[in-house]
Amino acid sequence: MDITDLLAYEEGFSDKPYYCSQGYPTIGIGLKIGPKNAPLANYTFRVSKKVAQAFLEEEILKIREAISSYPWFTKSNEARQNILISMAYQMGVKGLLSFTNTLKYIENERYIEAASNMLKSKWATQTPNRARRHALVMSTGRMESAYGNNK
């Protein structure tokens, strides 16, 4: 499972605008398109899966560029990097960077502690299933531990 598959799984797909769990207008594969609680009537367009995939890939490139120089990212294997990108996609890069203790654990290759710390966050209470899957991958370093052998 690569990062696009992971995000497609976690975010799902909608061709029309909807509210994400935090109340932001969203479309496609979890792409926020407006301010919190903005009326969905403001967004009268739809997107195809192909367009949603293009938006997703562009966002992944931006995130990777923003975090690729941090040691906690460069020291991580691909599965852990995918989790970090997924967290940044969901919460924004600033949101990911607010996990200072978790990122220190990752940088020091203390993945069990990093995973435990992830589960103590507000993020984990807001999206508990996703957080548990991500923490499991962080602790094991294997996508299969939480997502099976999908793609």
N, C-alpha and C. Protein backbone atom coordinates (compact mmCIF):
# COMPACT_ATOMS: atom_id res chain seq x y z
N MET A 1 0.85 -1.18 0.00
CA MET A 1 0.00 0.00 0.00
C MET A 1 0.89 1.24 0.00
N ASP A 2 0.72 2.07 -1.01
CA ASP A 2 1.50 3.31 -1.05
C ASP A 2 0.69 4.44 -0.41
N ILE A 3 1.26 5.62 -0.38
CA ILE A 3 0.62 6.75 0.31
C ILE A 3 -0.70 7.14 -0.34
N THR A 4 -0.81 7.07 -1.65
CA THR A 4 -2.09 7.43 -2.28
C THR A 4 -3.17 6.41 -1.92
N ASP A 5 -2.81 5.13 -1.88
CA ASP A 5 -3.76 4.10 -1.46
C ASP A 5 -4.17 4.29 0.00
N LEU A 6 -3.21 4.61 0.84
CA LEU A 6 -3.48 4.81 2.26
C LEU A 6 -4.46 5.96 2.45
N LEU A 7 -4.20 7.09 1.79
CA LEU A 7 -5.08 8.24 1.96
C LEU A 7 -6.45 8.00 1.34
N ALA A 8 -6.50 7.31 0.22
CA ALA A 8 -7.79 6.98 -0.37
C ALA A 8 -8.60 6.10 0.57
N TYR A 9 -7.93 5.16 1.24
CA TYR A 9 -8.61 4.30 2.21
C TYR A 9 -9.11 5.11 3.39
N GLU A 10 -8.25 5.92 3.96
CA GLU A 10 -8.60 6.67 5.17
C GLU A 10 -9.62 7.78 4.90
N GLU A 11 -9.51 8.45 3.78
CA GLU A 11 -10.36 9.60 3.49
C GLU A 11 -11.65 9.23 2.75
N GLY A 12 -11.61 8.15 1.98
CA GLY A 12 -12.75 7.84 1.14
C GLY A 12 -12.83 8.79 -0.03
N PHE A 13 -13.90 8.72 -0.78
CA PHE A 13 -14.07 9.58 -1.95
C PHE A 13 -15.50 10.08 -2.01
N SER A 14 -15.65 11.35 -2.32
CA SER A 14 -16.96 11.93 -2.59
C SER A 14 -16.81 12.90 -3.76
N ASP A 15 -17.65 12.74 -4.76
CA ASP A 15 -17.57 13.63 -5.92
C ASP A 15 -18.22 14.98 -5.65
N LYS A 16 -18.96 15.09 -4.54
CA LYS A 16 -19.60 16.37 -4.20
C LYS A 16 -19.17 16.80 -2.80
N PRO A 17 -19.28 18.08 -2.50
CA PRO A 17 -18.85 18.59 -1.20
C PRO A 17 -19.61 17.97 -0.03
N TYR A 18 -18.89 17.80 1.08
CA TYR A 18 -19.45 17.28 2.32
C TYR A 18 -18.67 17.90 3.47
N TYR A 19 -19.16 17.74 4.68
CA TYR A 19 -18.42 18.19 5.86
C TYR A 19 -17.57 17.05 6.39
N CYS A 20 -16.30 17.34 6.65
CA CYS A 20 -15.45 16.36 7.30
C CYS A 20 -15.86 16.28 8.78
N SER A 21 -15.23 15.41 9.52
CA SER A 21 -15.60 15.21 10.93
C SER A 21 -15.40 16.47 11.78
N GLN A 22 -14.60 17.41 11.29
CA GLN A 22 -14.36 18.65 12.03
C GLN A 22 -15.17 19.83 11.50
N GLY A 23 -16.05 19.57 10.53
CA GLY A 23 -16.94 20.61 10.04
C GLY A 23 -16.42 21.45 8.89
N TYR A 24 -15.35 21.01 8.23
CA TYR A 24 -14.82 21.75 7.08
C TYR A 24 -15.43 21.22 5.79
N PRO A 25 -15.85 22.10 4.88
CA PRO A 25 -16.28 21.63 3.57
C PRO A 25 -15.11 20.91 2.89
N THR A 26 -15.40 19.76 2.35
CA THR A 26 -14.39 18.85 1.83
C THR A 26 -14.93 18.20 0.57
N ILE A 27 -14.04 17.79 -0.32
CA ILE A 27 -14.46 17.11 -1.55
C ILE A 27 -13.37 16.13 -1.96
N GLY A 28 -13.72 15.25 -2.87
CA GLY A 28 -12.73 14.33 -3.44
C GLY A 28 -12.23 13.34 -2.40
N ILE A 29 -10.93 13.30 -2.23
CA ILE A 29 -10.28 12.39 -1.28
C ILE A 29 -9.79 13.23 -0.10
N GLY A 30 -10.75 13.76 0.66
CA GLY A 30 -10.42 14.50 1.87
C GLY A 30 -9.81 15.87 1.66
N LEU A 31 -10.09 16.53 0.55
CA LEU A 31 -9.52 17.84 0.27
C LEU A 31 -10.42 18.93 0.85
N LYS A 32 -9.89 19.67 1.84
CA LYS A 32 -10.65 20.78 2.42
C LYS A 32 -10.74 21.89 1.39
N ILE A 33 -11.96 22.43 1.24
CA ILE A 33 -12.18 23.46 0.22
C ILE A 33 -12.73 24.76 0.78
N GLY A 34 -12.91 24.83 2.08
CA GLY A 34 -13.46 26.06 2.64
C GLY A 34 -13.31 26.13 4.14
N PRO A 35 -13.70 27.28 4.71
CA PRO A 35 -13.58 27.46 6.16
C PRO A 35 -14.60 26.63 6.93
N LYS A 36 -14.29 26.38 8.16
CA LYS A 36 -15.13 25.57 9.03
C LYS A 36 -16.57 26.08 9.01
N ASN A 37 -17.49 25.15 8.85
CA ASN A 37 -18.94 25.40 8.87
C ASN A 37 -19.45 26.29 7.75
N ALA A 38 -18.65 26.53 6.73
CA ALA A 38 -19.15 27.29 5.57
C ALA A 38 -20.28 26.49 4.93
N PRO A 39 -21.32 27.16 4.49
CA PRO A 39 -22.45 26.44 3.88
C PRO A 39 -22.02 25.65 2.64
N LEU A 40 -22.43 24.39 2.59
CA LEU A 40 -22.09 23.56 1.44
C LEU A 40 -22.71 24.11 0.16
N ALA A 41 -23.78 24.90 0.28
CA ALA A 41 -24.41 25.51 -0.89
C ALA A 41 -23.45 26.45 -1.62
N ASN A 42 -22.38 26.89 -0.95
CA ASN A 42 -21.37 27.73 -1.59
C ASN A 42 -20.55 26.95 -2.62
N TYR A 43 -20.62 25.63 -2.56
CA TYR A 43 -19.77 24.78 -3.39
C TYR A 43 -20.68 23.93 -4.28
N THR A 44 -20.85 24.37 -5.50
CA THR A 44 -21.82 23.74 -6.40
C THR A 44 -21.17 22.85 -7.45
N PHE A 45 -19.91 22.53 -7.28
CA PHE A 45 -19.21 21.72 -8.28
C PHE A 45 -19.03 20.29 -7.79
N ARG A 46 -18.66 19.45 -8.70
CA ARG A 46 -18.33 18.05 -8.41
C ARG A 46 -16.95 17.76 -9.00
N VAL A 47 -16.33 16.70 -8.52
CA VAL A 47 -15.04 16.28 -9.08
C VAL A 47 -15.08 14.80 -9.42
N SER A 48 -14.37 14.45 -10.46
CA SER A 48 -14.24 13.03 -10.82
C SER A 48 -13.16 12.41 -9.95
N LYS A 49 -13.10 11.09 -9.94
CA LYS A 49 -12.02 10.40 -9.21
C LYS A 49 -10.65 10.80 -9.75
N LYS A 50 -10.58 10.99 -11.07
CA LYS A 50 -9.31 11.36 -11.70
C LYS A 50 -8.85 12.73 -11.20
N VAL A 51 -9.76 13.69 -11.12
CA VAL A 51 -9.43 15.03 -10.61
C VAL A 51 -9.06 14.95 -9.13
N ALA A 52 -9.84 14.19 -8.36
CA ALA A 52 -9.55 14.03 -6.93
C ALA A 52 -8.16 13.42 -6.73
N GLN A 53 -7.81 12.46 -7.55
CA GLN A 53 -6.49 11.82 -7.47
C GLN A 53 -5.39 12.83 -7.78
N ALA A 54 -5.61 13.70 -8.75
CA ALA A 54 -4.62 14.72 -9.10
C ALA A 54 -4.43 15.70 -7.93
N PHE A 55 -5.53 16.14 -7.32
CA PHE A 55 -5.44 17.01 -6.14
C PHE A 55 -4.67 16.32 -5.02
N LEU A 56 -4.99 15.05 -4.79
CA LEU A 56 -4.32 14.28 -3.74
C LEU A 56 -2.82 14.20 -4.00
N GLU A 57 -2.44 13.87 -5.20
CA GLU A 57 -1.01 13.75 -5.53
C GLU A 57 -0.29 15.07 -5.36
N GLU A 58 -0.93 16.17 -5.73
CA GLU A 58 -0.33 17.50 -5.55
C GLU A 58 -0.13 17.81 -4.06
N GLU A 59 -1.12 17.50 -3.25
CA GLU A 59 -1.01 17.74 -1.80
C GLU A 59 0.08 16.88 -1.18
N ILE A 60 0.20 15.65 -1.61
CA ILE A 60 1.25 14.77 -1.10
C ILE A 60 2.62 15.34 -1.43
N LEU A 61 2.80 15.84 -2.65
CA LEU A 61 4.08 16.46 -3.03
C LEU A 61 4.41 17.65 -2.15
N LYS A 62 3.41 18.49 -1.88
CA LYS A 62 3.63 19.67 -1.03
C LYS A 62 4.01 19.25 0.39
N ILE A 63 3.33 18.27 0.92
CA ILE A 63 3.63 17.80 2.28
C ILE A 63 5.03 17.21 2.32
N ARG A 64 5.33 16.33 1.37
CA ARG A 64 6.65 15.69 1.35
C ARG A 64 7.75 16.75 1.28
N GLU A 65 7.56 17.76 0.46
CA GLU A 65 8.54 18.84 0.34
C GLU A 65 8.70 19.58 1.68
N ALA A 66 7.60 19.80 2.37
CA ALA A 66 7.63 20.55 3.62
C ALA A 66 8.31 19.79 4.76
N ILE A 67 8.24 18.46 4.73
CA ILE A 67 8.78 17.70 5.88
C ILE A 67 9.98 16.83 5.54
N SER A 68 10.40 16.82 4.30
CA SER A 68 11.44 15.88 3.87
C SER A 68 12.83 16.13 4.47
N SER A 69 13.06 17.29 5.03
CA SER A 69 14.39 17.54 5.59
C SER A 69 14.48 17.25 7.09
N TYR A 70 13.38 16.95 7.72
CA TYR A 70 13.40 16.66 9.16
C TYR A 70 13.98 15.27 9.40
N PRO A 71 14.86 15.14 10.41
CA PRO A 71 15.46 13.83 10.69
C PRO A 71 14.44 12.75 11.03
N TRP A 72 13.36 13.11 11.72
CA TRP A 72 12.34 12.11 12.06
C TRP A 72 11.67 11.57 10.80
N PHE A 73 11.71 12.31 9.72
CA PHE A 73 11.17 11.82 8.45
C PHE A 73 12.23 11.03 7.69
N THR A 74 13.41 11.58 7.56
CA THR A 74 14.45 10.93 6.76
C THR A 74 14.92 9.61 7.37
N LYS A 75 14.87 9.50 8.70
CA LYS A 75 15.28 8.27 9.37
C LYS A 75 14.22 7.17 9.30
N SER A 76 13.01 7.55 8.96
CA SER A 76 11.89 6.60 8.96
C SER A 76 11.85 5.78 7.67
N ASN A 77 11.38 4.55 7.80
CA ASN A 77 11.19 3.74 6.60
C ASN A 77 9.94 4.22 5.86
N GLU A 78 9.66 3.64 4.71
CA GLU A 78 8.55 4.12 3.87
C GLU A 78 7.20 4.04 4.58
N ALA A 79 6.95 2.96 5.30
CA ALA A 79 5.67 2.81 6.00
C ALA A 79 5.48 3.93 7.02
N ARG A 80 6.50 4.22 7.79
CA ARG A 80 6.39 5.29 8.79
C ARG A 80 6.29 6.66 8.12
N GLN A 81 7.01 6.86 7.03
CA GLN A 81 6.88 8.11 6.28
C GLN A 81 5.45 8.29 5.78
N ASN A 82 4.84 7.20 5.31
CA ASN A 82 3.45 7.27 4.85
C ASN A 82 2.52 7.71 5.98
N ILE A 83 2.76 7.22 7.17
CA ILE A 83 1.93 7.60 8.32
C ILE A 83 2.12 9.08 8.63
N LEU A 84 3.33 9.55 8.60
CA LEU A 84 3.59 10.97 8.86
C LEU A 84 2.94 11.85 7.80
N ILE A 85 3.02 11.44 6.55
CA ILE A 85 2.36 12.20 5.48
C ILE A 85 0.85 12.18 5.68
N SER A 86 0.31 11.04 6.03
CA SER A 86 -1.13 10.93 6.27
C SER A 86 -1.58 11.85 7.40
N MET A 87 -0.80 11.89 8.47
CA MET A 87 -1.13 12.78 9.58
C MET A 87 -1.10 14.24 9.13
N ALA A 88 -0.10 14.60 8.35
CA ALA A 88 0.00 15.98 7.85
C ALA A 88 -1.13 16.29 6.88
N TYR A 89 -1.54 15.32 6.10
CA TYR A 89 -2.65 15.52 5.18
C TYR A 89 -3.94 15.79 5.96
N GLN A 90 -4.12 15.05 7.02
CA GLN A 90 -5.34 15.20 7.83
C GLN A 90 -5.34 16.47 8.67
N MET A 91 -4.20 16.80 9.28
CA MET A 91 -4.14 17.91 10.26
C MET A 91 -3.38 19.12 9.76
N GLY A 92 -2.76 19.01 8.60
CA GLY A 92 -1.88 20.05 8.12
C GLY A 92 -0.47 19.81 8.65
N VAL A 93 0.51 20.37 7.99
CA VAL A 93 1.90 20.22 8.42
C VAL A 93 2.07 20.80 9.82
N LYS A 94 1.46 21.96 10.08
CA LYS A 94 1.56 22.56 11.43
C LYS A 94 0.99 21.63 12.48
N GLY A 95 -0.10 20.98 12.16
CA GLY A 95 -0.69 20.02 13.09
C GLY A 95 0.27 18.87 13.39
N LEU A 96 0.89 18.33 12.35
CA LEU A 96 1.87 17.27 12.55
C LEU A 96 3.03 17.76 13.40
N LEU A 97 3.54 18.96 13.10
CA LEU A 97 4.69 19.49 13.84
C LEU A 97 4.37 19.76 15.31
N SER A 98 3.08 19.86 15.65
CA SER A 98 2.72 20.06 17.06
C SER A 98 2.91 18.78 17.89
N PHE A 99 3.15 17.65 17.25
CA PHE A 99 3.41 16.39 17.93
C PHE A 99 4.90 16.32 18.31
N THR A 100 5.37 17.30 19.05
CA THR A 100 6.81 17.43 19.30
C THR A 100 7.40 16.21 20.00
N ASN A 101 6.76 15.70 21.03
CA ASN A 101 7.29 14.53 21.74
C ASN A 101 7.28 13.30 20.85
N THR A 102 6.20 13.09 20.13
CA THR A 102 6.11 11.95 19.21
C THR A 102 7.23 12.02 18.18
N LEU A 103 7.45 13.19 17.60
CA LEU A 103 8.48 13.34 16.57
C LEU A 103 9.88 13.13 17.15
N LYS A 104 10.09 13.53 18.41
CA LYS A 104 11.39 13.26 19.05
C LYS A 104 11.59 11.76 19.22
N TYR A 105 10.53 11.06 19.64
CA TYR A 105 10.62 9.60 19.77
C TYR A 105 10.96 8.96 18.42
N ILE A 106 10.31 9.42 17.37
CA ILE A 106 10.57 8.86 16.03
C ILE A 106 12.01 9.14 15.61
N GLU A 107 12.45 10.37 15.82
CA GLU A 107 13.83 10.72 15.46
C GLU A 107 14.84 9.84 16.19
N ASN A 108 14.52 9.46 17.43
CA ASN A 108 15.41 8.61 18.23
C ASN A 108 15.10 7.12 18.06
N GLU A 109 14.27 6.81 17.05
CA GLU A 109 13.92 5.43 16.71
C GLU A 109 13.27 4.70 17.88
N ARG A 110 12.50 5.41 18.66
CA ARG A 110 11.75 4.84 19.78
C ARG A 110 10.28 4.78 19.37
N TYR A 111 10.01 3.84 18.48
CA TYR A 111 8.73 3.79 17.79
C TYR A 111 7.56 3.36 18.68
N ILE A 112 7.81 2.51 19.65
CA ILE A 112 6.75 2.08 20.56
C ILE A 112 6.27 3.29 21.38
N GLU A 113 7.21 4.08 21.88
CA GLU A 113 6.85 5.28 22.64
C GLU A 113 6.16 6.30 21.74
N ALA A 114 6.63 6.42 20.50
CA ALA A 114 5.99 7.34 19.56
C ALA A 114 4.54 6.94 19.34
N ALA A 115 4.31 5.66 19.12
CA ALA A 115 2.95 5.16 18.89
C ALA A 115 2.07 5.39 20.11
N SER A 116 2.61 5.12 21.28
CA SER A 116 1.85 5.35 22.51
C SER A 116 1.49 6.82 22.67
N ASN A 117 2.44 7.67 22.38
CA ASN A 117 2.21 9.11 22.48
C ASN A 117 1.16 9.59 21.47
N MET A 118 1.17 9.03 20.28
CA MET A 118 0.17 9.37 19.27
C MET A 118 -1.24 9.12 19.81
N LEU A 119 -1.39 8.04 20.54
CA LEU A 119 -2.71 7.64 21.04
C LEU A 119 -3.18 8.46 22.24
N LYS A 120 -2.33 9.32 22.76
CA LYS A 120 -2.70 10.18 23.89
C LYS A 120 -3.13 11.58 23.43
N SER A 121 -3.25 11.76 22.13
CA SER A 121 -3.49 13.09 21.58
C SER A 121 -4.98 13.37 21.35
N LYS A 122 -5.29 14.64 21.18
CA LYS A 122 -6.64 15.06 20.81
C LYS A 122 -7.03 14.43 19.47
N TRP A 123 -6.07 14.36 18.56
CA TRP A 123 -6.29 13.73 17.26
C TRP A 123 -6.82 12.31 17.42
N ALA A 124 -6.25 11.55 18.37
CA ALA A 124 -6.67 10.17 18.59
C ALA A 124 -8.09 10.09 19.14
N THR A 125 -8.51 11.10 19.90
CA THR A 125 -9.90 11.08 20.38
C THR A 125 -10.86 11.49 19.27
N GLN A 126 -10.40 12.30 18.32
CA GLN A 126 -11.26 12.75 17.22
C GLN A 126 -11.40 11.68 16.14
N THR A 127 -10.33 10.97 15.85
CA THR A 127 -10.37 9.91 14.83
C THR A 127 -9.68 8.66 15.40
N PRO A 128 -10.33 8.01 16.35
CA PRO A 128 -9.67 6.92 17.09
C PRO A 128 -9.27 5.72 16.24
N ASN A 129 -10.08 5.32 15.29
CA ASN A 129 -9.72 4.14 14.49
C ASN A 129 -8.52 4.42 13.60
N ARG A 130 -8.53 5.57 12.96
CA ARG A 130 -7.39 5.95 12.13
C ARG A 130 -6.13 6.07 12.99
N ALA A 131 -6.25 6.71 14.14
CA ALA A 131 -5.09 6.87 15.02
C ALA A 131 -4.54 5.52 15.47
N ARG A 132 -5.42 4.57 15.79
CA ARG A 132 -4.95 3.24 16.20
C ARG A 132 -4.22 2.54 15.06
N ARG A 133 -4.76 2.64 13.85
CA ARG A 133 -4.08 2.02 12.69
C ARG A 133 -2.72 2.68 12.46
N HIS A 134 -2.69 4.00 12.53
CA HIS A 134 -1.43 4.72 12.30
C HIS A 134 -0.40 4.39 13.38
N ALA A 135 -0.85 4.33 14.62
CA ALA A 135 0.07 4.00 15.72
C ALA A 135 0.63 2.59 15.57
N LEU A 136 -0.21 1.66 15.11
CA LEU A 136 0.27 0.29 14.91
C LEU A 136 1.35 0.24 13.84
N VAL A 137 1.14 0.97 12.75
CA VAL A 137 2.17 1.01 11.70
C VAL A 137 3.43 1.70 12.23
N MET A 138 3.26 2.77 12.99
CA MET A 138 4.43 3.46 13.55
C MET A 138 5.23 2.52 14.45
N SER A 139 4.55 1.72 15.25
CA SER A 139 5.27 0.84 16.18
C SER A 139 5.94 -0.33 15.46
N THR A 140 5.32 -0.85 14.41
CA THR A 140 5.88 -2.03 13.72
C THR A 140 6.74 -1.68 12.52
N GLY A 141 6.48 -0.53 11.90
CA GLY A 141 7.18 -0.17 10.68
C GLY A 141 6.67 -0.91 9.46
N ARG A 142 5.48 -1.51 9.59
CA ARG A 142 4.92 -2.31 8.49
C ARG A 142 3.48 -1.90 8.22
N MET A 143 3.16 -1.55 7.00
CA MET A 143 1.79 -1.20 6.63
C MET A 143 0.85 -2.39 6.84
N GLU A 144 1.34 -3.58 6.57
CA GLU A 144 0.51 -4.78 6.67
C GLU A 144 -0.03 -5.01 8.07
N SER A 145 0.66 -4.48 9.09
CA SER A 145 0.23 -4.70 10.47
C SER A 145 -1.15 -4.11 10.72
N ALA A 146 -1.51 -3.04 10.01
CA ALA A 146 -2.81 -2.39 10.22
C ALA A 146 -3.70 -2.47 9.00
N TYR A 147 -3.14 -2.62 7.82
CA TYR A 147 -3.92 -2.53 6.60
C TYR A 147 -3.93 -3.82 5.78
N GLY A 148 -3.35 -4.88 6.28
CA GLY A 148 -3.31 -6.13 5.54
C GLY A 148 -2.45 -5.99 4.30
N ASN A 149 -2.75 -6.78 3.32
CA ASN A 149 -1.96 -6.77 2.09
C ASN A 149 -2.65 -6.03 0.96
N ASN A 150 -3.41 -4.99 1.30
CA ASN A 150 -4.08 -4.18 0.27
C ASN A 150 -3.03 -3.51 -0.59
N LYS A 151 -3.11 -3.72 -1.89
CA LYS A 151 -2.20 -3.13 -2.89
C LYS A 151 -0.78 -3.16 -2.38
